[in-house]
């Protein structure tokens, strides 16, 4: 019940009425407050990593494209022998020496149309 004595007066809305607090009520309120704080911190997220998850295409795509990259680390590319051969041929083609004589010979080469006659 409320203690209405003069020594326990508290100014406020109730004009000096002070209510004695129950220790069990305090523990219950603290537990409720802790639960509410935990719910607020974990709202909308799944924090348990042990849950089984089937990863879809978009989650894999996002994980790949949004991954952290260390730009100071050296990137090393290893090619198979066939890939290395193709890369060498492409580089040779791109870096070949082009002269007017080669261009002229290509543009003015003889072109034959029609069926090939068997020469027997």
C-alpha atoms as a PDB file:
ATOM      1  CA  UNK A   1       0.000   0.000   0.000  1.00  0.00           C
ATOM      2  CA  UNK A   2       1.067   3.575  -0.307  1.00  0.00           C
ATOM      3  CA  UNK A   3       3.073   5.133   2.497  1.00  0.00           C
ATOM      4  CA  UNK A   4       1.545   8.536   3.205  1.00  0.00           C
ATOM      5  CA  UNK A   5       4.009   9.591   5.925  1.00  0.00           C
ATOM      6  CA  UNK A   6       5.673  13.005   5.941  1.00  0.00           C
ATOM      7  CA  UNK A   7       9.210  11.594   5.902  1.00  0.00           C
ATOM      8  CA  UNK A   8       8.664   9.780   2.607  1.00  0.00           C
ATOM      9  CA  UNK A   9       7.107  12.681   0.729  1.00  0.00           C
ATOM     10  CA  UNK A  10       8.035  13.019  -2.891  1.00  0.00           C
ATOM     11  CA  UNK A  11       6.958  16.016  -4.849  1.00  0.00           C
ATOM     12  CA  UNK A  12       5.191  15.229  -8.067  1.00  0.00           C
ATOM     13  CA  UNK A  13       1.858  14.483  -9.617  1.00  0.00           C
ATOM     14  CA  UNK A  14       0.530  12.541  -6.653  1.00  0.00           C
ATOM     15  CA  UNK A  15       1.295  15.341  -4.171  1.00  0.00           C
ATOM     16  CA  UNK A  16       3.733  13.598  -1.881  1.00  0.00           C
ATOM     17  CA  UNK A  17       2.566   9.997  -2.213  1.00  0.00           C
ATOM     18  CA  UNK A  18       5.390   7.505  -2.468  1.00  0.00           C
ATOM     19  CA  UNK A  19       4.909   3.921  -3.550  1.00  0.00           C
ATOM     20  CA  UNK A  20       7.180   1.212  -2.173  1.00  0.00           C
ATOM     21  CA  UNK A  21       8.835  -0.808  -4.888  1.00  0.00           C
ATOM     22  CA  UNK A  22       8.712  -4.549  -4.866  1.00  0.00           C
ATOM     23  CA  UNK A  23      12.003  -6.336  -5.641  1.00  0.00           C
ATOM     24  CA  UNK A  24      10.257  -8.953  -7.804  1.00  0.00           C
ATOM     25  CA  UNK A  25       8.629  -6.237  -9.890  1.00  0.00           C
ATOM     26  CA  UNK A  26      12.052  -4.641 -10.488  1.00  0.00           C
ATOM     27  CA  UNK A  27      13.535  -7.936 -11.684  1.00  0.00           C
ATOM     28  CA  UNK A  28      10.555  -8.535 -13.966  1.00  0.00           C
ATOM     29  CA  UNK A  29      10.839  -5.042 -15.457  1.00  0.00           C
ATOM     30  CA  UNK A  30      14.591  -5.481 -15.981  1.00  0.00           C
ATOM     31  CA  UNK A  31      14.017  -8.808 -17.743  1.00  0.00           C
ATOM     32  CA  UNK A  32      11.362  -7.267 -19.979  1.00  0.00           C
ATOM     33  CA  UNK A  33      13.641  -4.313 -20.797  1.00  0.00           C
ATOM     34  CA  UNK A  34      16.534  -6.672 -21.653  1.00  0.00           C
ATOM     35  CA  UNK A  35      14.289  -8.737 -23.918  1.00  0.00           C
ATOM     36  CA  UNK A  36      13.047  -5.620 -25.682  1.00  0.00           C
ATOM     37  CA  UNK A  37      16.626  -4.409 -26.208  1.00  0.00           C
ATOM     38  CA  UNK A  38      17.639  -7.785 -27.647  1.00  0.00           C
ATOM     39  CA  UNK A  39      14.654  -7.761 -29.979  1.00  0.00           C
ATOM     40  CA  UNK A  40      15.491  -4.249 -31.137  1.00  0.00           C
ATOM     41  CA  UNK A  41      19.147  -5.159 -31.789  1.00  0.00           C
ATOM     42  CA  UNK A  42      18.225  -8.310 -33.718  1.00  0.00           C
ATOM     43  CA  UNK A  43      15.173  -6.878 -35.473  1.00  0.00           C
ATOM     44  CA  UNK A  44      14.886  -8.065 -39.059  1.00  0.00           C
ATOM     45  CA  UNK A  45      18.103 -10.088 -39.088  1.00  0.00           C
ATOM     46  CA  UNK A  46      19.026 -13.684 -38.554  1.00  0.00           C
ATOM     47  CA  UNK A  47      22.079 -13.838 -36.358  1.00  0.00           C
ATOM     48  CA  UNK A  48      22.304 -17.625 -36.025  1.00  0.00           C
ATOM     49  CA  UNK A  49      24.855 -18.877 -38.555  1.00  0.00           C
ATOM     50  CA  UNK A  50      24.006 -22.541 -37.920  1.00  0.00           C
ATOM     51  CA  UNK A  51      20.655 -22.332 -39.705  1.00  0.00           C
ATOM     52  CA  UNK A  52      20.519 -24.322 -42.955  1.00  0.00           C
ATOM     53  CA  UNK A  53      20.194 -21.947 -45.884  1.00  0.00           C
ATOM     54  CA  UNK A  54      19.765 -22.749 -49.556  1.00  0.00           C
ATOM     55  CA  UNK A  55      21.655 -19.994 -51.348  1.00  0.00           C
ATOM     56  CA  UNK A  56      19.979 -18.740 -54.486  1.00  0.00           C
ATOM     57  CA  UNK A  57      21.503 -17.196 -57.585  1.00  0.00           C
ATOM     58  CA  UNK A  58      21.072 -13.586 -56.482  1.00  0.00           C
ATOM     59  CA  UNK A  59      22.616 -14.116 -53.049  1.00  0.00           C
ATOM     60  CA  UNK A  60      25.650 -15.756 -54.698  1.00  0.00           C
ATOM     61  CA  UNK A  61      25.832 -12.975 -57.290  1.00  0.00           C
ATOM     62  CA  UNK A  62      25.632 -10.288 -54.603  1.00  0.00           C
ATOM     63  CA  UNK A  63      28.231 -12.039 -52.447  1.00  0.00           C
ATOM     64  CA  UNK A  64      30.650 -12.208 -55.384  1.00  0.00           C
ATOM     65  CA  UNK A  65      30.245  -8.645 -56.677  1.00  0.00           C
ATOM     66  CA  UNK A  66      30.086  -6.990 -53.261  1.00  0.00           C
ATOM     67  CA  UNK A  67      33.039  -8.799 -51.708  1.00  0.00           C
ATOM     68  CA  UNK A  68      35.827  -6.854 -50.071  1.00  0.00           C
ATOM     69  CA  UNK A  69      38.891  -6.494 -52.317  1.00  0.00           C
ATOM     70  CA  UNK A  70      42.390  -5.751 -51.089  1.00  0.00           C
ATOM     71  CA  UNK A  71      43.677  -3.456 -53.856  1.00  0.00           C
ATOM     72  CA  UNK A  72      47.236  -3.677 -52.536  1.00  0.00           C
ATOM     73  CA  UNK A  73      47.421  -7.429 -53.100  1.00  0.00           C
ATOM     74  CA  UNK A  74      48.965  -8.712 -56.335  1.00  0.00           C
ATOM     75  CA  UNK A  75      46.589 -10.512 -58.721  1.00  0.00           C
ATOM     76  CA  UNK A  76      48.015 -13.625 -60.308  1.00  0.00           C
ATOM     77  CA  UNK A  77      46.360 -15.322 -63.291  1.00  0.00           C
ATOM     78  CA  UNK A  78      47.309 -18.865 -64.236  1.00  0.00           C
ATOM     79  CA  UNK A  79      46.433 -20.148 -67.710  1.00  0.00           C
ATOM     80  CA  UNK A  80      46.207 -23.670 -69.078  1.00  0.00           C
ATOM     81  CA  UNK A  81      48.590 -24.482 -71.948  1.00  0.00           C
ATOM     82  CA  UNK A  82      45.770 -24.069 -74.494  1.00  0.00           C
ATOM     83  CA  UNK A  83      44.711 -20.723 -73.013  1.00  0.00           C
ATOM     84  CA  UNK A  84      48.349 -19.578 -73.075  1.00  0.00           C
ATOM     85  CA  UNK A  85      48.626 -20.599 -76.757  1.00  0.00           C
ATOM     86  CA  UNK A  86      45.489 -18.620 -77.681  1.00  0.00           C
ATOM     87  CA  UNK A  87      46.682 -15.612 -75.669  1.00  0.00           C
ATOM     88  CA  UNK A  88      50.051 -15.705 -77.453  1.00  0.00           C
ATOM     89  CA  UNK A  89      48.352 -15.841 -80.878  1.00  0.00           C
ATOM     90  CA  UNK A  90      46.116 -12.889 -79.982  1.00  0.00           C
ATOM     91  CA  UNK A  91      49.105 -10.859 -78.769  1.00  0.00           C
ATOM     92  CA  UNK A  92      51.036 -11.737 -81.926  1.00  0.00           C
ATOM     93  CA  UNK A  93      48.103 -10.604 -84.080  1.00  0.00           C
ATOM     94  CA  UNK A  94      47.590  -7.353 -82.152  1.00  0.00           C
ATOM     95  CA  UNK A  95      51.267  -6.443 -82.109  1.00  0.00           C
ATOM     96  CA  UNK A  96      52.199  -7.392 -85.646  1.00  0.00           C
ATOM     97  CA  UNK A  97      54.053  -4.875 -87.718  1.00  0.00           C
ATOM     98  CA  UNK A  98      51.754  -3.300 -90.298  1.00  0.00           C
ATOM     99  CA  UNK A  99      53.355  -1.851 -93.391  1.00  0.00           C
ATOM    100  CA  UNK A 100      51.876  -0.191 -96.454  1.00  0.00           C
ATOM    101  CA  UNK A 101      53.072  -3.099 -98.581  1.00  0.00           C
ATOM    102  CA  UNK A 102      51.056  -5.605 -96.487  1.00  0.00           C
ATOM    103  CA  UNK A 103      47.955  -3.394 -96.625  1.00  0.00           C
ATOM    104  CA  UNK A 104      48.323  -2.926-100.385  1.00  0.00           C
ATOM    105  CA  UNK A 105      48.762  -6.668-100.958  1.00  0.00           C
ATOM    106  CA  UNK A 106      45.680  -7.434 -98.844  1.00  0.00           C
ATOM    107  CA  UNK A 107      43.457  -4.845-100.525  1.00  0.00           C
ATOM    108  CA  UNK A 108      44.508  -5.632-104.079  1.00  0.00           C
ATOM    109  CA  UNK A 109      44.704  -9.411-103.894  1.00  0.00           C
ATOM    110  CA  UNK A 110      43.152 -11.405-106.693  1.00  0.00           C
ATOM    111  CA  UNK A 111      39.685 -12.715-105.869  1.00  0.00           C
ATOM    112  CA  UNK A 112      38.127 -15.512-107.916  1.00  0.00           C
ATOM    113  CA  UNK A 113      34.433 -16.299-107.890  1.00  0.00           C
ATOM    114  CA  UNK A 114      32.713 -19.386-109.183  1.00  0.00           C
ATOM    115  CA  UNK A 115      33.235 -23.118-109.106  1.00  0.00           C
ATOM    116  CA  UNK A 116      36.623 -24.635-109.278  1.00  0.00           C
ATOM    117  CA  UNK A 117      37.188 -26.695-112.417  1.00  0.00           C
ATOM    118  CA  UNK A 118      38.740 -30.074-111.991  1.00  0.00           C
ATOM    119  CA  UNK A 119      42.032 -30.194-113.733  1.00  0.00           C
ATOM    120  CA  UNK A 120      42.589 -33.760-114.766  1.00  0.00           C
END
